[in-house]
């Protein structure tokens, strides 16, 4: 079964000021996900995505895959139940 989930991923590396959030937004929308990509004060980007588990898993693979803008040195993730209420995919 491909139930909806909520993925929260924290991406480390050179990921701010290089078009990373825009890239994440584009990939997420292609996968039909809702959520956001936000810069954190410590230099990481927080990605929140809700939708089918397989689509979220693919987004996580893309975040770790080495074809992102900038340079990703690590990704931590957390899986939870979807909260809903998200529309589109925002860059913050």
PDB file of N, CA and C in Angstrom:
ATOM      1  N   UNK A   1       0.832  -1.175   0.000  1.00  0.00           N
ATOM      2  CA  UNK A   1       0.000   0.000   0.000  1.00  0.00           C
ATOM      3  C   UNK A   1       0.884   1.249   0.000  1.00  0.00           C
ATOM      4  N   UNK A   2       0.429   2.306  -0.661  1.00  0.00           N
ATOM      5  CA  UNK A   2       1.207   3.530  -0.766  1.00  0.00           C
ATOM      6  C   UNK A   2       0.502   4.660  -0.025  1.00  0.00           C
ATOM      7  N   UNK A   3       0.399   4.504   1.282  1.00  0.00           N
ATOM      8  CA  UNK A   3      -0.275   5.502   2.107  1.00  0.00           C
ATOM      9  C   UNK A   3       0.486   6.818   2.104  1.00  0.00           C
ATOM     10  N   UNK A   4      -0.227   7.896   2.395  1.00  0.00           N
ATOM     11  CA  UNK A   4       0.420   9.195   2.515  1.00  0.00           C
ATOM     12  C   UNK A   4       1.234   9.256   3.795  1.00  0.00           C
ATOM     13  N   UNK A   5       2.360   9.967   3.730  1.00  0.00           N
ATOM     14  CA  UNK A   5       3.265  10.145   4.861  1.00  0.00           C
ATOM     15  C   UNK A   5       3.758  11.583   4.864  1.00  0.00           C
ATOM     16  N   UNK A   6       4.456  11.909   5.935  1.00  0.00           N
ATOM     17  CA  UNK A   6       5.151  13.202   6.031  1.00  0.00           C
ATOM     18  C   UNK A   6       6.630  12.908   6.213  1.00  0.00           C
ATOM     19  N   UNK A   7       7.435  13.428   5.304  1.00  0.00           N
ATOM     20  CA  UNK A   7       8.891  13.329   5.385  1.00  0.00           C
ATOM     21  C   UNK A   7       9.433  14.675   5.814  1.00  0.00           C
ATOM     22  N   UNK A   8      10.253  14.665   6.856  1.00  0.00           N
ATOM     23  CA  UNK A   8      11.021  15.856   7.216  1.00  0.00           C
ATOM     24  C   UNK A   8      12.484  15.476   7.054  1.00  0.00           C
ATOM     25  N   UNK A   9      13.201  16.240   6.228  1.00  0.00           N
ATOM     26  CA  UNK A   9      14.615  15.956   5.963  1.00  0.00           C
ATOM     27  C   UNK A   9      15.424  17.214   6.243  1.00  0.00           C
ATOM     28  N   UNK A  10      16.563  17.025   6.880  1.00  0.00           N
ATOM     29  CA  UNK A  10      17.486  18.121   7.147  1.00  0.00           C
ATOM     30  C   UNK A  10      18.738  17.857   6.322  1.00  0.00           C
ATOM     31  N   UNK A  11      19.027  18.795   5.417  1.00  0.00           N
ATOM     32  CA  UNK A  11      20.109  18.612   4.452  1.00  0.00           C
ATOM     33  C   UNK A  11      21.279  19.501   4.854  1.00  0.00           C
ATOM     34  N   UNK A  12      22.459  18.873   5.014  1.00  0.00           N
ATOM     35  CA  UNK A  12      23.684  19.583   5.404  1.00  0.00           C
ATOM     36  C   UNK A  12      24.604  19.731   4.196  1.00  0.00           C
ATOM     37  N   UNK A  13      25.476  20.717   4.269  1.00  0.00           N
ATOM     38  CA  UNK A  13      26.455  20.956   3.213  1.00  0.00           C
ATOM     39  C   UNK A  13      26.356  22.387   2.714  1.00  0.00           C
ATOM     40  N   UNK A  14      26.816  22.602   1.492  1.00  0.00           N
ATOM     41  CA  UNK A  14      26.699  23.927   0.864  1.00  0.00           C
ATOM     42  C   UNK A  14      25.383  23.954   0.099  1.00  0.00           C
ATOM     43  N   UNK A  15      24.291  24.254   0.823  1.00  0.00           N
ATOM     44  CA  UNK A  15      22.952  24.138   0.254  1.00  0.00           C
ATOM     45  C   UNK A  15      22.149  25.439   0.348  1.00  0.00           C
ATOM     46  N   UNK A  16      22.775  26.504   0.808  1.00  0.00           N
ATOM     47  CA  UNK A  16      22.091  27.791   0.846  1.00  0.00           C
ATOM     48  C   UNK A  16      22.759  28.734  -0.146  1.00  0.00           C
ATOM     49  N   UNK A  17      21.933  29.493  -0.878  1.00  0.00           N
ATOM     50  CA  UNK A  17      22.447  30.465  -1.827  1.00  0.00           C
ATOM     51  C   UNK A  17      22.928  29.863  -3.139  1.00  0.00           C
ATOM     52  N   UNK A  18      22.488  28.624  -3.445  1.00  0.00           N
ATOM     53  CA  UNK A  18      22.945  27.944  -4.661  1.00  0.00           C
ATOM     54  C   UNK A  18      21.784  27.401  -5.494  1.00  0.00           C
ATOM     55  N   UNK A  19      20.553  27.823  -5.195  1.00  0.00           N
ATOM     56  CA  UNK A  19      19.383  27.337  -5.926  1.00  0.00           C
ATOM     57  C   UNK A  19      18.851  26.006  -5.437  1.00  0.00           C
ATOM     58  N   UNK A  20      19.307  25.571  -4.279  1.00  0.00           N
ATOM     59  CA  UNK A  20      18.910  24.265  -3.753  1.00  0.00           C
ATOM     60  C   UNK A  20      17.417  24.196  -3.450  1.00  0.00           C
ATOM     61  N   UNK A  21      16.877  25.204  -2.758  1.00  0.00           N
ATOM     62  CA  UNK A  21      15.446  25.172  -2.410  1.00  0.00           C
ATOM     63  C   UNK A  21      14.573  25.161  -3.661  1.00  0.00           C
ATOM     64  N   UNK A  22      14.943  25.949  -4.673  1.00  0.00           N
ATOM     65  CA  UNK A  22      14.198  25.961  -5.932  1.00  0.00           C
ATOM     66  C   UNK A  22      14.237  24.577  -6.571  1.00  0.00           C
ATOM     67  N   UNK A  23      15.409  23.932  -6.553  1.00  0.00           N
ATOM     68  CA  UNK A  23      15.569  22.598  -7.123  1.00  0.00           C
ATOM     69  C   UNK A  23      14.679  21.595  -6.382  1.00  0.00           C
ATOM     70  N   UNK A  24      14.669  21.657  -5.044  1.00  0.00           N
ATOM     71  CA  UNK A  24      13.828  20.765  -4.237  1.00  0.00           C
ATOM     72  C   UNK A  24      12.359  20.984  -4.582  1.00  0.00           C
ATOM     73  N   UNK A  25      11.953  22.247  -4.666  1.00  0.00           N
ATOM     74  CA  UNK A  25      10.563  22.564  -5.003  1.00  0.00           C
ATOM     75  C   UNK A  25      10.182  21.956  -6.347  1.00  0.00           C
ATOM     76  N   UNK A  26      11.031  22.102  -7.339  1.00  0.00           N
ATOM     77  CA  UNK A  26      10.754  21.550  -8.673  1.00  0.00           C
ATOM     78  C   UNK A  26      10.597  20.041  -8.633  1.00  0.00           C
ATOM     79  N   UNK A  27      11.506  19.347  -7.948  1.00  0.00           N
ATOM     80  CA  UNK A  27      11.427  17.886  -7.861  1.00  0.00           C
ATOM     81  C   UNK A  27      10.167  17.464  -7.110  1.00  0.00           C
ATOM     82  N   UNK A  28       9.852  18.144  -6.011  1.00  0.00           N
ATOM     83  CA  UNK A  28       8.679  17.786  -5.207  1.00  0.00           C
ATOM     84  C   UNK A  28       7.397  17.962  -6.017  1.00  0.00           C
ATOM     85  N   UNK A  29       7.290  19.066  -6.748  1.00  0.00           N
ATOM     86  CA  UNK A  29       6.090  19.284  -7.556  1.00  0.00           C
ATOM     87  C   UNK A  29       5.970  18.242  -8.659  1.00  0.00           C
ATOM     88  N   UNK A  30       7.092  17.854  -9.262  1.00  0.00           N
ATOM     89  CA  UNK A  30       7.076  16.798 -10.274  1.00  0.00           C
ATOM     90  C   UNK A  30       6.556  15.485  -9.698  1.00  0.00           C
ATOM     91  N   UNK A  31       6.833  15.257  -8.417  1.00  0.00           N
ATOM     92  CA  UNK A  31       6.416  14.025  -7.746  1.00  0.00           C
ATOM     93  C   UNK A  31       5.015  14.137  -7.140  1.00  0.00           C
ATOM     94  N   UNK A  32       4.397  15.304  -7.252  1.00  0.00           N
ATOM     95  CA  UNK A  32       3.053  15.491  -6.717  1.00  0.00           C
ATOM     96  C   UNK A  32       2.998  15.689  -5.221  1.00  0.00           C
ATOM     97  N   UNK A  33       4.072  16.181  -4.628  1.00  0.00           N
ATOM     98  CA  UNK A  33       4.143  16.367  -3.183  1.00  0.00           C
ATOM     99  C   UNK A  33       3.809  17.799  -2.794  1.00  0.00           C
ATOM    100  N   UNK A  34       3.345  17.973  -1.572  1.00  0.00           N
ATOM    101  CA  UNK A  34       3.151  19.304  -1.001  1.00  0.00           C
ATOM    102  C   UNK A  34       4.153  19.486   0.126  1.00  0.00           C
ATOM    103  N   UNK A  35       4.439  20.755   0.470  1.00  0.00           N
ATOM    104  CA  UNK A  35       5.356  20.996   1.568  1.00  0.00           C
ATOM    105  C   UNK A  35       6.153  22.260   1.407  1.00  0.00           C
ATOM    106  N   UNK A  36       7.412  22.216   1.893  1.00  0.00           N
ATOM    107  CA  UNK A  36       8.258  23.400   1.840  1.00  0.00           C
ATOM    108  C   UNK A  36       9.726  23.017   1.958  1.00  0.00           C
ATOM    109  N   UNK A  37      10.577  23.960   1.529  1.00  0.00           N
ATOM    110  CA  UNK A  37      12.020  23.870   1.721  1.00  0.00           C
ATOM    111  C   UNK A  37      12.450  25.188   2.335  1.00  0.00           C
ATOM    112  N   UNK A  38      13.063  25.139   3.512  1.00  0.00           N
ATOM    113  CA  UNK A  38      13.372  26.344   4.277  1.00  0.00           C
ATOM    114  C   UNK A  38      14.826  26.369   4.712  1.00  0.00           C
ATOM    115  N   UNK A  39      15.457  27.547   4.573  1.00  0.00           N
ATOM    116  CA  UNK A  39      16.802  27.733   5.107  1.00  0.00           C
ATOM    117  C   UNK A  39      16.733  27.793   6.625  1.00  0.00           C
ATOM    118  N   UNK A  40      17.659  27.139   7.293  1.00  0.00           N
ATOM    119  CA  UNK A  40      17.790  27.214   8.748  1.00  0.00           C
ATOM    120  C   UNK A  40      19.003  28.080   9.084  1.00  0.00           C
ATOM    121  N   UNK A  41      19.009  28.686  10.256  1.00  0.00           N
ATOM    122  CA  UNK A  41      20.093  29.596  10.633  1.00  0.00           C
ATOM    123  C   UNK A  41      21.446  28.903  10.739  1.00  0.00           C
ATOM    124  N   UNK A  42      21.464  27.576  10.936  1.00  0.00           N
ATOM    125  CA  UNK A  42      22.732  26.853  11.060  1.00  0.00           C
ATOM    126  C   UNK A  42      23.311  26.410   9.711  1.00  0.00           C
ATOM    127  N   UNK A  43      22.678  26.842   8.593  1.00  0.00           N
ATOM    128  CA  UNK A  43      23.205  26.520   7.265  1.00  0.00           C
ATOM    129  C   UNK A  43      22.548  25.328   6.603  1.00  0.00           C
ATOM    130  N   UNK A  44      21.721  24.587   7.327  1.00  0.00           N
ATOM    131  CA  UNK A  44      21.011  23.458   6.731  1.00  0.00           C
ATOM    132  C   UNK A  44      19.750  23.938   6.024  1.00  0.00           C
ATOM    133  N   UNK A  45      19.179  23.056   5.213  1.00  0.00           N
ATOM    134  CA  UNK A  45      17.858  23.284   4.626  1.00  0.00           C
ATOM    135  C   UNK A  45      16.937  22.204   5.173  1.00  0.00           C
ATOM    136  N   UNK A  46      15.779  22.627   5.665  1.00  0.00           N
ATOM    137  CA  UNK A  46      14.762  21.697   6.137  1.00  0.00           C
ATOM    138  C   UNK A  46      13.736  21.498   5.029  1.00  0.00           C
ATOM    139  N   UNK A  47      13.508  20.240   4.671  1.00  0.00           N
ATOM    140  CA  UNK A  47      12.533  19.896   3.640  1.00  0.00           C
ATOM    141  C   UNK A  47      11.392  19.145   4.310  1.00  0.00           C
ATOM    142  N   UNK A  48      10.171  19.644   4.123  1.00  0.00           N
ATOM    143  CA  UNK A  48       8.976  18.963   4.604  1.00  0.00           C
ATOM    144  C   UNK A  48       8.153  18.601   3.381  1.00  0.00           C
ATOM    145  N   UNK A  49       7.831  17.323   3.244  1.00  0.00           N
ATOM    146  CA  UNK A  49       7.066  16.865   2.087  1.00  0.00           C
ATOM    147  C   UNK A  49       5.996  15.888   2.540  1.00  0.00           C
ATOM    148  N   UNK A  50       4.799  16.061   2.011  1.00  0.00           N
ATOM    149  CA  UNK A  50       3.705  15.137   2.289  1.00  0.00           C
ATOM    150  C   UNK A  50       3.146  14.605   0.982  1.00  0.00           C
ATOM    151  N   UNK A  51       2.807  13.318   1.011  1.00  0.00           N
ATOM    152  CA  UNK A  51       2.225  12.666  -0.145  1.00  0.00           C
ATOM    153  C   UNK A  51       2.462  11.172  -0.061  1.00  0.00           C
ATOM    154  N   UNK A  52       2.295  10.462  -1.175  1.00  0.00           N
ATOM    155  CA  UNK A  52       2.494   9.015  -1.176  1.00  0.00           C
ATOM    156  C   UNK A  52       3.910   8.634  -0.735  1.00  0.00           C
ATOM    157  N   UNK A  53       4.008   7.572   0.058  1.00  0.00           N
ATOM    158  CA  UNK A  53       5.309   7.150   0.582  1.00  0.00           C
ATOM    159  C   UNK A  53       6.346   6.969  -0.526  1.00  0.00           C
ATOM    160  N   UNK A  54       5.975   6.339  -1.634  1.00  0.00           N
ATOM    161  CA  UNK A  54       6.955   6.094  -2.698  1.00  0.00           C
ATOM    162  C   UNK A  54       7.504   7.394  -3.263  1.00  0.00           C
ATOM    163  N   UNK A  55       6.638   8.406  -3.417  1.00  0.00           N
ATOM    164  CA  UNK A  55       7.092   9.696  -3.931  1.00  0.00           C
ATOM    165  C   UNK A  55       8.030  10.377  -2.931  1.00  0.00           C
ATOM    166  N   UNK A  56       7.719  10.286  -1.647  1.00  0.00           N
ATOM    167  CA  UNK A  56       8.590  10.857  -0.624  1.00  0.00           C
ATOM    168  C   UNK A  56       9.930  10.128  -0.572  1.00  0.00           C
ATOM    169  N   UNK A  57       9.908   8.811  -0.713  1.00  0.00           N
ATOM    170  CA  UNK A  57      11.149   8.043  -0.739  1.00  0.00           C
ATOM    171  C   UNK A  57      12.011   8.453  -1.925  1.00  0.00           C
ATOM    172  N   UNK A  58      11.386   8.686  -3.073  1.00  0.00           N
ATOM    173  CA  UNK A  58      12.129   9.118  -4.252  1.00  0.00           C
ATOM    174  C   UNK A  58      12.733  10.498  -4.032  1.00  0.00           C
ATOM    175  N   UNK A  59      11.986  11.411  -3.431  1.00  0.00           N
ATOM    176  CA  UNK A  59      12.534  12.729  -3.132  1.00  0.00           C
ATOM    177  C   UNK A  59      13.739  12.598  -2.215  1.00  0.00           C
ATOM    178  N   UNK A  60      13.655  11.760  -1.197  1.00  0.00           N
ATOM    179  CA  UNK A  60      14.780  11.558  -0.286  1.00  0.00           C
ATOM    180  C   UNK A  60      15.987  11.007  -1.037  1.00  0.00           C
ATOM    181  N   UNK A  61      15.784  10.070  -1.945  1.00  0.00           N
ATOM    182  CA  UNK A  61      16.885   9.555  -2.776  1.00  0.00           C
ATOM    183  C   UNK A  61      17.509  10.671  -3.597  1.00  0.00           C
ATOM    184  N   UNK A  62      16.673  11.537  -4.161  1.00  0.00           N
ATOM    185  CA  UNK A  62      17.190  12.652  -4.963  1.00  0.00           C
ATOM    186  C   UNK A  62      18.015  13.608  -4.095  1.00  0.00           C
ATOM    187  N   UNK A  63      17.557  13.862  -2.867  1.00  0.00           N
ATOM    188  CA  UNK A  63      18.306  14.734  -1.964  1.00  0.00           C
ATOM    189  C   UNK A  63      19.689  14.157  -1.667  1.00  0.00           C
ATOM    190  N   UNK A  64      19.788  12.849  -1.598  1.00  0.00           N
ATOM    191  CA  UNK A  64      21.055  12.169  -1.288  1.00  0.00           C
ATOM    192  C   UNK A  64      21.866  11.805  -2.526  1.00  0.00           C
ATOM    193  N   UNK A  65      21.289  12.021  -3.715  1.00  0.00           N
ATOM    194  CA  UNK A  65      21.839  11.468  -4.937  1.00  0.00           C
ATOM    195  C   UNK A  65      23.037  12.126  -5.569  1.00  0.00           C
ATOM    196  N   UNK A  66      23.420  13.319  -5.149  1.00  0.00           N
ATOM    197  CA  UNK A  66      24.613  13.927  -5.711  1.00  0.00           C
ATOM    198  C   UNK A  66      24.392  14.780  -6.955  1.00  0.00           C
ATOM    199  N   UNK A  67      23.132  14.977  -7.369  1.00  0.00           N
ATOM    200  CA  UNK A  67      22.880  15.815  -8.544  1.00  0.00           C
ATOM    201  C   UNK A  67      22.197  17.123  -8.163  1.00  0.00           C
ATOM    202  N   UNK A  68      22.235  17.465  -6.900  1.00  0.00           N
ATOM    203  CA  UNK A  68      21.607  18.695  -6.420  1.00  0.00           C
ATOM    204  C   UNK A  68      22.525  19.885  -6.679  1.00  0.00           C
ATOM    205  N   UNK A  69      21.966  21.101  -6.707  1.00  0.00           N
ATOM    206  CA  UNK A  69      22.828  22.280  -6.711  1.00  0.00           C
ATOM    207  C   UNK A  69      23.616  22.333  -5.403  1.00  0.00           C
ATOM    208  N   UNK A  70      24.778  22.933  -5.434  1.00  0.00           N
ATOM    209  CA  UNK A  70      25.605  23.009  -4.232  1.00  0.00           C
ATOM    210  C   UNK A  70      26.274  21.680  -3.962  1.00  0.00           C
ATOM    211  N   UNK A  71      26.449  21.388  -2.678  1.00  0.00           N
ATOM    212  CA  UNK A  71      27.112  20.134  -2.292  1.00  0.00           C
ATOM    213  C   UNK A  71      26.478  19.621  -1.008  1.00  0.00           C
ATOM    214  N   UNK A  72      25.830  18.484  -1.097  1.00  0.00           N
ATOM    215  CA  UNK A  72      25.195  17.858   0.063  1.00  0.00           C
ATOM    216  C   UNK A  72      26.210  16.947   0.737  1.00  0.00           C
ATOM    217  N   UNK A  73      26.398  17.144   2.046  1.00  0.00           N
ATOM    218  CA  UNK A  73      27.310  16.285   2.792  1.00  0.00           C
ATOM    219  C   UNK A  73      26.575  15.297   3.684  1.00  0.00           C
ATOM    220  N   UNK A  74      25.274  15.484   3.865  1.00  0.00           N
ATOM    221  CA  UNK A  74      24.500  14.546   4.670  1.00  0.00           C
ATOM    222  C   UNK A  74      23.041  14.928   4.719  1.00  0.00           C
ATOM    223  N   UNK A  75      22.202  13.927   4.934  1.00  0.00           N
ATOM    224  CA  UNK A  75      20.763  14.144   5.047  1.00  0.00           C
ATOM    225  C   UNK A  75      20.241  13.290   6.203  1.00  0.00           C
ATOM    226  N   UNK A  76      19.573  13.929   7.140  1.00  0.00           N
ATOM    227  CA  UNK A  76      18.881  13.222   8.218  1.00  0.00           C
ATOM    228  C   UNK A  76      17.391  13.279   7.906  1.00  0.00           C
ATOM    229  N   UNK A  77      16.676  12.227   8.263  1.00  0.00           N
ATOM    230  CA  UNK A  77      15.255  12.213   7.936  1.00  0.00           C
ATOM    231  C   UNK A  77      14.417  11.685   9.085  1.00  0.00           C
ATOM    232  N   UNK A  78      13.140  12.094   9.065  1.00  0.00           N
ATOM    233  CA  UNK A  78      12.157  11.620  10.042  1.00  0.00           C
ATOM    234  C   UNK A  78      10.850  11.387   9.292  1.00  0.00           C
ATOM    235  N   UNK A  79      10.213  10.260   9.571  1.00  0.00           N
ATOM    236  CA  UNK A  79       8.942   9.898   8.933  1.00  0.00           C
ATOM    237  C   UNK A  79       7.839   9.937   9.977  1.00  0.00           C
ATOM    238  N   UNK A  80       6.733  10.628   9.644  1.00  0.00           N
ATOM    239  CA  UNK A  80       5.596  10.716  10.549  1.00  0.00           C
ATOM    240  C   UNK A  80       4.303  10.646   9.738  1.00  0.00           C
ATOM    241  N   UNK A  81       3.198  10.649  10.464  1.00  0.00           N
ATOM    242  CA  UNK A  81       1.891  10.698   9.819  1.00  0.00           C
ATOM    243  C   UNK A  81       1.711  12.072   9.178  1.00  0.00           C
ATOM    244  N   UNK A  82       1.017  12.146   8.046  1.00  0.00           N
ATOM    245  CA  UNK A  82       0.788  13.454   7.433  1.00  0.00           C
ATOM    246  C   UNK A  82      -0.117  14.309   8.318  1.00  0.00           C
ATOM    247  N   UNK A  83       0.117  15.611   8.302  1.00  0.00           N
ATOM    248  CA  UNK A  83      -0.705  16.538   9.078  1.00  0.00           C
ATOM    249  C   UNK A  83      -1.754  17.206   8.199  1.00  0.00           C
ATOM    250  N   UNK A  84      -1.500  17.220   6.888  1.00  0.00           N
ATOM    251  CA  UNK A  84      -2.423  17.879   5.968  1.00  0.00           C
ATOM    252  C   UNK A  84      -2.325  19.385   6.071  1.00  0.00           C
ATOM    253  N   UNK A  85      -3.200  20.061   5.351  1.00  0.00           N
ATOM    254  CA  UNK A  85      -3.221  21.513   5.403  1.00  0.00           C
ATOM    255  C   UNK A  85      -2.180  22.195   4.532  1.00  0.00           C
ATOM    256  N   UNK A  86      -1.346  21.425   3.846  1.00  0.00           N
ATOM    257  CA  UNK A  86      -0.320  22.008   2.973  1.00  0.00           C
ATOM    258  C   UNK A  86      -0.871  22.144   1.565  1.00  0.00           C
ATOM    259  N   UNK A  87      -0.500  23.246   0.920  1.00  0.00           N
ATOM    260  CA  UNK A  87      -0.904  23.441  -0.477  1.00  0.00           C
ATOM    261  C   UNK A  87       0.324  23.863  -1.254  1.00  0.00           C
ATOM    262  N   UNK A  88       0.550  23.212  -2.393  1.00  0.00           N
ATOM    263  CA  UNK A  88       1.711  23.547  -3.199  1.00  0.00           C
ATOM    264  C   UNK A  88       3.003  23.192  -2.493  1.00  0.00           C
ATOM    265  N   UNK A  89       4.087  23.799  -2.944  1.00  0.00           N
ATOM    266  CA  UNK A  89       5.388  23.563  -2.328  1.00  0.00           C
ATOM    267  C   UNK A  89       6.106  24.909  -2.241  1.00  0.00           C
ATOM    268  N   UNK A  90       6.373  25.381  -1.021  1.00  0.00           N
ATOM    269  CA  UNK A  90       6.899  26.722  -0.798  1.00  0.00           C
ATOM    270  C   UNK A  90       8.405  26.709  -0.558  1.00  0.00           C
ATOM    271  N   UNK A  91       9.058  27.772  -0.999  1.00  0.00           N
ATOM    272  CA  UNK A  91      10.449  28.038  -0.644  1.00  0.00           C
ATOM    273  C   UNK A  91      10.426  29.110   0.426  1.00  0.00           C
ATOM    274  N   UNK A  92      11.091  28.835   1.533  1.00  0.00           N
ATOM    275  CA  UNK A  92      11.112  29.828   2.628  1.00  0.00           C
ATOM    276  C   UNK A  92      12.527  30.163   3.012  1.00  0.00           C
TER     277      UNK A  92
END
